[in-house]
């Protein structure tokens, strides 16, 4: 192809991203080139942008395209691609959502049905922007979908602002709540009402949870959580003492404690409090703090005496992405799934990151207009 597309290159924490033009690749057999229409700034993108933990090492002198939470339309199909991973016919111009990582399918994790734990998944995101396939991140006009990346056609009833989060926050929460076994009768605490927390709230209710309690310090997010199905809200500003919040959860659960607590804040500091919120036999789900380099003090005796279970989930499998799309199709018009985004053009990506980092927008979304 002779076309070129824009990409925002990240050079490291504290440095502005710069727009460049790169050649649009021809897809190899089994691959798909997608024209990105919308890419959200996820919490993990902010961690990278700030250089939290070891993430500062992701910086490159020649730049890197970051971002992963996105949707788009098929620009070109590689040889042999006629359908999505659900068997639906796929053609140029179709709206799609897709994995941004590529499990190898052959390692020990993949062969044991744990493709989310494949240590090779993110290798496709590495490489110089000047080298094929060039487009390896979301903040660009195009994205190269490797043959190992699951791709699903988006129903016409699901608009872009709704589906943009499917291939990250939503699919990960679908996978995570399945792994931790949220179901009917469960009292679930959601720590953090960002993208993960809002999706987790809606999914927990859809899975039959008796009560979902959401903890956050921002009133706008708590209000959205209520509209997503939260039964109870705990405002950090009204209950600034962790012990008081634990006591409130104990009260709301009839003196027993929560069955499931989900860390979706992205801060290890909330983990001890979350563990205190669990009742006997409870399960703690760790998703938010995805990068190594932070530690917390834990009392293993409490874990053992309470028969508590810790479940940490990174990434998701192809099935979960398909289910995420099905969930959105079923919930369009019933939940405010499109009301958490504030739009910015790609040219304003630095402003978008600054606004998101300062908490002045619930979730910044880059809309490709070039």
Protein backbone atom coordinates (compact mmCIF):
# COMPACT_ATOMS: atom_id res chain seq x y z
CA UNK A 1 0.00 0.00 0.00
CA UNK A 2 1.15 3.56 -0.70
CA UNK A 3 -1.00 5.07 2.04
CA UNK A 4 0.35 6.58 5.21
CA UNK A 5 -1.26 7.07 8.58
CA UNK A 6 -0.63 9.15 11.67
CA UNK A 7 0.75 7.78 14.91
CA UNK A 8 1.46 9.43 18.27
CA UNK A 9 4.91 8.38 19.45
CA UNK A 10 5.71 8.11 23.15
CA UNK A 11 9.32 8.87 24.09
CA UNK A 12 9.14 8.57 27.86
CA UNK A 13 7.59 10.01 31.02
CA UNK A 14 7.47 13.79 31.11
CA UNK A 15 8.04 14.14 27.38
CA UNK A 16 5.27 15.14 24.97
CA UNK A 17 4.10 12.64 22.40
CA UNK A 18 4.73 13.58 18.78
CA UNK A 19 2.67 12.87 15.68
CA UNK A 20 4.43 11.19 12.78
CA UNK A 21 3.31 9.50 9.57
CA UNK A 22 4.03 5.81 8.94
CA UNK A 23 3.36 3.56 5.95
CA UNK A 24 0.16 1.52 6.16
CA UNK A 25 1.20 -2.15 5.85
CA UNK A 26 -0.26 -4.82 3.62
CA UNK A 27 -1.66 -7.60 5.82
CA UNK A 28 0.11 -10.95 5.80
CA UNK A 29 -1.98 -14.13 5.37
CA UNK A 30 -4.37 -14.42 8.32
CA UNK A 31 -3.81 -10.83 9.47
CA UNK A 32 -6.10 -7.79 9.34
CA UNK A 33 -5.27 -4.11 9.05
CA UNK A 34 -7.81 -2.03 10.99
CA UNK A 35 -8.44 1.67 10.61
CA UNK A 36 -8.81 2.83 14.20
CA UNK A 37 -11.84 5.04 14.85
CA UNK A 38 -11.59 5.49 18.63
CA UNK A 39 -8.99 4.70 21.31
CA UNK A 40 -9.58 5.27 25.02
CA UNK A 41 -6.90 6.28 27.52
CA UNK A 42 -6.90 3.39 29.95
CA UNK A 43 -5.56 3.55 33.49
CA UNK A 44 -2.61 1.40 32.44
CA UNK A 45 -1.76 3.95 29.73
CA UNK A 46 -1.54 6.58 32.45
CA UNK A 47 0.80 4.34 34.46
CA UNK A 48 3.05 4.06 31.37
CA UNK A 49 2.83 7.80 30.68
CA UNK A 50 3.87 8.54 34.27
CA UNK A 51 6.55 5.84 34.29
CA UNK A 52 5.16 4.07 37.36
CA UNK A 53 7.10 1.06 38.64
CA UNK A 54 9.23 -0.46 35.90
CA UNK A 55 7.04 1.04 33.17
CA UNK A 56 9.45 3.89 32.51
CA UNK A 57 11.61 1.29 30.78
CA UNK A 58 9.04 1.14 27.98
CA UNK A 59 10.36 4.44 26.64
CA UNK A 60 12.25 4.31 23.33
CA UNK A 61 14.54 6.89 21.78
CA UNK A 62 12.79 6.34 18.46
CA UNK A 63 9.35 6.37 20.04
CA UNK A 64 6.67 3.79 20.76
CA UNK A 65 2.97 3.76 19.95
CA UNK A 66 1.17 3.07 23.21
CA UNK A 67 -2.53 2.52 23.86
CA UNK A 68 -4.60 -0.62 23.46
CA UNK A 69 -8.28 0.06 24.27
CA UNK A 70 -9.76 0.68 20.84
CA UNK A 71 -12.16 -0.14 18.05
CA UNK A 72 -12.15 0.43 14.29
CA UNK A 73 -13.17 -0.78 10.86
CA UNK A 74 -11.54 -3.36 8.62
CA UNK A 75 -9.19 -1.61 6.21
CA UNK A 76 -7.70 -4.69 4.57
CA UNK A 77 -8.00 -8.45 5.02
CA UNK A 78 -5.07 -10.79 4.69
CA UNK A 79 -5.28 -13.90 2.54
CA UNK A 80 -7.58 -16.50 4.03
CA UNK A 81 -9.53 -14.16 6.33
CA UNK A 82 -13.22 -14.43 5.51
CA UNK A 83 -14.83 -14.51 8.96
CA UNK A 84 -14.31 -13.29 12.51
CA UNK A 85 -13.51 -15.62 15.41
CA UNK A 86 -17.22 -16.20 15.97
CA UNK A 87 -17.73 -17.39 12.41
CA UNK A 88 -19.49 -14.26 11.14
CA UNK A 89 -18.51 -13.11 7.61
CA UNK A 90 -15.94 -10.31 7.65
CA UNK A 91 -15.38 -7.73 4.92
CA UNK A 92 -13.62 -4.43 4.41
CA UNK A 93 -15.55 -1.65 6.13
CA UNK A 94 -16.95 -3.86 8.87
CA UNK A 95 -16.73 -2.49 12.40
CA UNK A 96 -14.62 -4.71 14.63
CA UNK A 97 -13.12 -5.13 18.08
CA UNK A 98 -9.98 -7.20 18.59
CA UNK A 99 -7.30 -8.29 21.02
CA UNK A 100 -4.24 -6.07 21.18
CA UNK A 101 -1.99 -8.96 22.23
CA UNK A 102 -1.35 -12.37 20.67
CA UNK A 103 -1.19 -15.54 22.81
CA UNK A 104 1.13 -18.04 21.14
CA UNK A 105 -1.22 -21.01 21.49
CA UNK A 106 1.70 -23.39 22.07
CA UNK A 107 3.26 -22.64 25.44
CA UNK A 108 2.46 -24.47 28.66
CA UNK A 109 -0.06 -21.82 29.73
CA UNK A 110 -1.89 -21.80 26.41
CA UNK A 111 -2.01 -25.59 26.21
CA UNK A 112 -3.54 -25.69 29.70
CA UNK A 113 -6.34 -23.34 28.70
CA UNK A 114 -4.72 -20.30 30.31
CA UNK A 115 -3.94 -18.17 27.26
CA UNK A 116 -4.37 -15.06 29.43
CA UNK A 117 -1.14 -16.10 31.16
CA UNK A 118 0.85 -16.60 27.94
CA UNK A 119 4.24 -14.99 28.49
CA UNK A 120 4.62 -14.42 24.74
CA UNK A 121 1.37 -12.44 24.29
CA UNK A 122 2.82 -8.95 24.24
CA UNK A 123 5.78 -9.62 22.00
CA UNK A 124 3.78 -8.30 19.04
CA UNK A 125 3.72 -4.83 20.63
CA UNK A 126 7.49 -4.55 20.59
CA UNK A 127 9.46 -3.22 17.65
CA UNK A 128 10.48 0.02 16.03
CA UNK A 129 7.79 2.16 14.41
CA UNK A 130 9.98 2.29 11.32
CA UNK A 131 9.79 -1.50 10.93
CA UNK A 132 6.85 -3.56 9.60
CA UNK A 133 4.05 -3.67 10.61
CA UNK A 134 4.64 -0.17 12.07
CA UNK A 135 1.25 0.20 13.78
CA UNK A 136 1.50 -1.67 17.09
CA UNK A 137 -0.53 0.60 19.39
CA UNK A 138 -3.93 2.24 19.63
CA UNK A 139 -3.03 5.92 19.39
CA UNK A 140 -2.70 5.89 15.64
CA UNK A 141 -4.84 5.80 12.52
CA UNK A 142 -4.24 2.07 11.98
CA UNK A 143 -3.57 -1.09 13.94
CA UNK A 144 -2.13 -4.37 12.70
CA UNK A 145 -4.16 -7.35 13.94
CA UNK A 146 -1.87 -10.37 14.04
CA UNK A 147 -3.37 -13.74 12.99
CA UNK A 148 -3.24 -14.88 16.64
CA UNK A 149 -5.31 -11.93 17.86
CA UNK A 150 -9.03 -12.68 18.25
CA UNK A 151 -11.23 -10.34 16.21
CA UNK A 152 -15.01 -9.97 16.37
CA UNK A 153 -17.49 -8.09 14.22
CA UNK A 154 -19.44 -5.43 16.14
CA UNK A 155 -23.25 -5.50 15.89
CA UNK A 156 -24.76 -2.43 14.23
CA UNK A 157 -26.70 -1.70 17.42
CA UNK A 158 -23.51 -1.11 19.43
CA UNK A 159 -21.99 2.34 18.72
CA UNK A 160 -18.26 3.05 18.84
CA UNK A 161 -18.29 4.89 22.20
CA UNK A 162 -19.89 1.81 23.77
CA UNK A 163 -17.65 -0.82 22.20
CA UNK A 164 -14.33 1.03 22.47
CA UNK A 165 -13.65 -0.39 25.94
CA UNK A 166 -14.56 -3.97 25.08
CA UNK A 167 -11.06 -5.17 24.19
CA UNK A 168 -9.54 -4.12 27.50
CA UNK A 169 -11.53 -3.19 30.61
CA UNK A 170 -14.74 -5.02 29.75
CA UNK A 171 -13.18 -8.23 28.40
CA UNK A 172 -10.79 -8.34 31.34
CA UNK A 173 -13.65 -8.00 33.82
CA UNK A 174 -15.66 -10.67 31.99
CA UNK A 175 -12.66 -12.99 32.35
CA UNK A 176 -11.89 -11.92 35.92
CA UNK A 177 -15.37 -12.32 37.38
CA UNK A 178 -15.64 -15.73 35.74
CA UNK A 179 -12.29 -16.72 37.25
CA UNK A 180 -13.24 -15.58 40.75
CA UNK A 181 -16.69 -17.12 40.45
CA UNK A 182 -19.03 -14.18 41.09
CA UNK A 183 -22.58 -15.47 41.09
CA UNK A 184 -26.04 -15.40 42.68
CA UNK A 185 -26.03 -14.63 46.40
CA UNK A 186 -22.62 -12.95 46.40
CA UNK A 187 -21.94 -9.65 48.13
CA UNK A 188 -19.33 -7.92 45.98
CA UNK A 189 -17.19 -4.89 46.82
CA UNK A 190 -15.70 -2.90 43.96
CA UNK A 191 -12.66 -0.83 44.98
CA UNK A 192 -12.48 1.94 42.40
CA UNK A 193 -15.13 3.21 39.99
CA UNK A 194 -12.93 3.82 36.96
CA UNK A 195 -13.36 1.90 33.72
CA UNK A 196 -12.69 -1.50 35.30
CA UNK A 197 -14.89 -0.75 38.28
CA UNK A 198 -17.86 0.51 36.29
CA UNK A 199 -17.80 -2.51 33.99
CA UNK A 200 -17.25 -4.79 36.98
CA UNK A 201 -20.31 -3.33 38.68
CA UNK A 202 -22.57 -3.97 35.69
CA UNK A 203 -21.17 -7.44 35.09
CA UNK A 204 -21.44 -8.50 38.74
CA UNK A 205 -25.13 -7.55 38.75
CA UNK A 206 -25.66 -9.35 35.43
CA UNK A 207 -24.06 -12.47 36.95
CA UNK A 208 -26.61 -12.40 39.76
CA UNK A 209 -24.73 -10.77 42.64
CA UNK A 210 -27.11 -9.98 45.49
CA UNK A 211 -25.35 -6.75 46.38
CA UNK A 212 -22.63 -4.66 44.75
CA UNK A 213 -20.90 -2.08 46.95
CA UNK A 214 -18.71 0.48 45.16
CA UNK A 215 -15.96 2.44 46.91
CA UNK A 216 -14.53 5.60 45.34
CA UNK A 217 -13.73 9.22 46.17
CA UNK A 218 -15.26 10.93 43.15
CA UNK A 219 -18.93 11.76 43.19
CA UNK A 220 -19.31 11.65 39.40
CA UNK A 221 -17.90 8.13 39.28
CA UNK A 222 -20.07 6.98 42.16
CA UNK A 223 -23.13 8.35 40.41
CA UNK A 224 -22.18 6.44 37.27
CA UNK A 225 -21.63 3.31 39.36
CA UNK A 226 -25.17 3.66 40.72
CA UNK A 227 -26.49 3.85 37.19
CA UNK A 228 -24.43 0.78 36.32
CA UNK A 229 -26.26 -1.16 39.01
CA UNK A 230 -24.41 -0.51 42.28
CA UNK A 231 -26.63 -1.16 45.29
CA UNK A 232 -24.52 0.76 47.80
CA UNK A 233 -21.92 3.53 47.48
CA UNK A 234 -19.09 4.33 49.88
CA UNK A 235 -17.63 7.80 49.38
CA UNK A 236 -14.03 8.11 50.56
CA UNK A 237 -14.66 11.75 51.39
CA UNK A 238 -17.47 10.86 53.76
CA UNK A 239 -15.64 7.88 55.26
CA UNK A 240 -11.93 8.80 55.10
CA UNK A 241 -10.93 6.21 57.72
CA UNK A 242 -10.23 2.71 56.28
CA UNK A 243 -11.49 1.07 59.46
CA UNK A 244 -14.80 2.91 59.09
CA UNK A 245 -15.13 1.69 55.51
CA UNK A 246 -14.44 -1.89 56.57
CA UNK A 247 -17.06 -1.53 59.30
CA UNK A 248 -19.55 -0.17 56.77
CA UNK A 249 -19.04 -3.18 54.47
CA UNK A 250 -19.47 -5.49 57.46
CA UNK A 251 -22.70 -3.72 58.33
CA UNK A 252 -24.03 -3.86 54.77
CA UNK A 253 -23.34 -7.59 54.56
CA UNK A 254 -25.19 -8.48 57.74
CA UNK A 255 -22.10 -8.66 59.89
CA UNK A 256 -20.44 -11.31 57.72
CA UNK A 257 -18.22 -9.45 55.28
CA UNK A 258 -18.03 -9.52 51.49
CA UNK A 259 -17.84 -12.69 49.44
CA UNK A 260 -15.74 -11.00 46.76
CA UNK A 261 -13.66 -7.82 46.86
CA UNK A 262 -12.13 -6.49 43.61
CA UNK A 263 -9.08 -4.19 43.53
CA UNK A 264 -9.72 -2.07 40.45
CA UNK A 265 -8.06 1.15 41.61
CA UNK A 266 -4.58 0.45 40.32
CA UNK A 267 -2.96 1.10 43.70
CA UNK A 268 -1.48 -1.60 45.90
CA UNK A 269 -2.15 0.53 48.98
CA UNK A 270 -5.85 -0.43 48.99
CA UNK A 271 -5.22 -4.18 49.16
CA UNK A 272 -4.93 -4.53 52.97
CA UNK A 273 -8.22 -2.66 53.38
CA UNK A 274 -9.91 -4.83 50.78
CA UNK A 275 -8.76 -8.00 52.48
CA UNK A 276 -10.24 -6.73 55.75
CA UNK A 277 -13.59 -6.35 54.00
CA UNK A 278 -13.78 -10.06 53.18
CA UNK A 279 -15.85 -12.48 55.20
CA UNK A 280 -14.82 -16.09 55.93
CA UNK A 281 -14.21 -18.01 52.70
CA UNK A 282 -14.08 -14.79 50.70
CA UNK A 283 -12.21 -14.22 47.44
CA UNK A 284 -9.98 -11.23 46.70
CA UNK A 285 -9.59 -10.29 43.05
CA UNK A 286 -6.48 -8.31 42.09
CA UNK A 287 -6.59 -6.68 38.66
CA UNK A 288 -5.76 -2.99 38.97
CA UNK A 289 -2.11 -3.03 40.01
CA UNK A 290 -0.74 -4.76 36.95
CA UNK A 291 2.89 -3.65 37.05
CA UNK A 292 5.58 -5.15 39.34
CA UNK A 293 7.51 -2.95 41.71
CA UNK A 294 5.10 -2.20 44.57
CA UNK A 295 4.57 -4.19 47.76
CA UNK A 296 2.14 -4.26 50.69
CA UNK A 297 2.15 -5.80 54.16
CA UNK A 298 -0.08 -8.88 54.43
CA UNK A 299 -0.98 -11.07 57.36
CA UNK A 300 -0.84 -14.65 56.03
CA UNK A 301 -2.40 -15.91 59.24
CA UNK A 302 -5.57 -13.98 58.43
CA UNK A 303 -5.65 -15.51 54.98
CA UNK A 304 -5.31 -19.02 56.39
CA UNK A 305 -7.66 -18.62 59.35
CA UNK A 306 -10.31 -17.03 57.14
CA UNK A 307 -9.89 -19.53 54.30
CA UNK A 308 -9.46 -16.57 51.99
CA UNK A 309 -8.51 -16.91 48.35
CA UNK A 310 -6.45 -14.50 46.29
CA UNK A 311 -7.01 -14.42 42.54
CA UNK A 312 -4.87 -12.18 40.32
CA UNK A 313 -5.89 -11.76 36.71
CA UNK A 314 -3.93 -10.12 33.92
CA UNK A 315 -5.25 -10.02 30.36
CA UNK A 316 -8.11 -12.23 29.12
CA UNK A 317 -8.90 -14.96 26.61
CA UNK A 318 -10.64 -14.82 23.23
CA UNK A 319 -13.88 -16.22 24.64
CA UNK A 320 -14.12 -13.32 27.08
CA UNK A 321 -13.80 -10.75 24.29
CA UNK A 322 -16.63 -12.44 22.39
CA UNK A 323 -18.77 -12.43 25.53
CA UNK A 324 -17.96 -8.76 26.09
CA UNK A 325 -19.41 -7.89 22.69
CA UNK A 326 -22.52 -9.99 23.45
CA UNK A 327 -22.92 -8.22 26.80
CA UNK A 328 -22.77 -4.80 25.15
CA UNK A 329 -25.33 -5.79 22.53
CA UNK A 330 -27.68 -6.92 25.29
CA UNK A 331 -27.17 -3.79 27.40
CA UNK A 332 -27.33 -1.00 24.81
CA UNK A 333 -29.89 1.53 26.01
CA UNK A 334 -30.10 -0.07 29.46
CA UNK A 335 -26.81 1.18 30.91
CA UNK A 336 -24.91 4.50 30.46
CA UNK A 337 -22.07 2.72 28.69
CA UNK A 338 -21.33 5.67 26.43
CA UNK A 339 -21.41 8.39 29.07
CA UNK A 340 -18.01 7.87 30.64
CA UNK A 341 -16.03 9.25 27.68
CA UNK A 342 -14.77 12.73 26.86
CA UNK A 343 -13.56 13.03 23.25
CA UNK A 344 -10.25 14.50 22.05
CA UNK A 345 -8.73 14.50 18.54
CA UNK A 346 -5.42 12.69 18.02
CA UNK A 347 -3.73 16.09 17.65
CA UNK A 348 -4.67 16.84 21.28
CA UNK A 349 -3.37 13.61 22.76
CA UNK A 350 -1.01 15.35 25.17
CA UNK A 351 -3.85 17.47 26.52
CA UNK A 352 -6.02 14.36 26.79
CA UNK A 353 -3.42 12.55 28.90
CA UNK A 354 -2.98 15.57 31.16
CA UNK A 355 -6.72 15.90 31.69
CA UNK A 356 -7.09 12.18 32.39
CA UNK A 357 -4.14 12.15 34.77
CA UNK A 358 -5.54 15.11 36.71
CA UNK A 359 -8.89 13.36 37.03
CA UNK A 360 -10.75 16.14 35.27
CA UNK A 361 -12.45 13.68 32.89
CA UNK A 362 -13.89 10.25 33.74
CA UNK A 363 -12.22 8.62 30.72
CA UNK A 364 -10.52 10.41 27.83
CA UNK A 365 -11.13 8.99 24.36
CA UNK A 366 -9.08 9.77 21.25
CA UNK A 367 -11.24 10.02 18.14
CA UNK A 368 -9.43 9.66 14.82
CA UNK A 369 -10.51 12.40 12.43
CA UNK A 370 -7.64 12.40 9.96
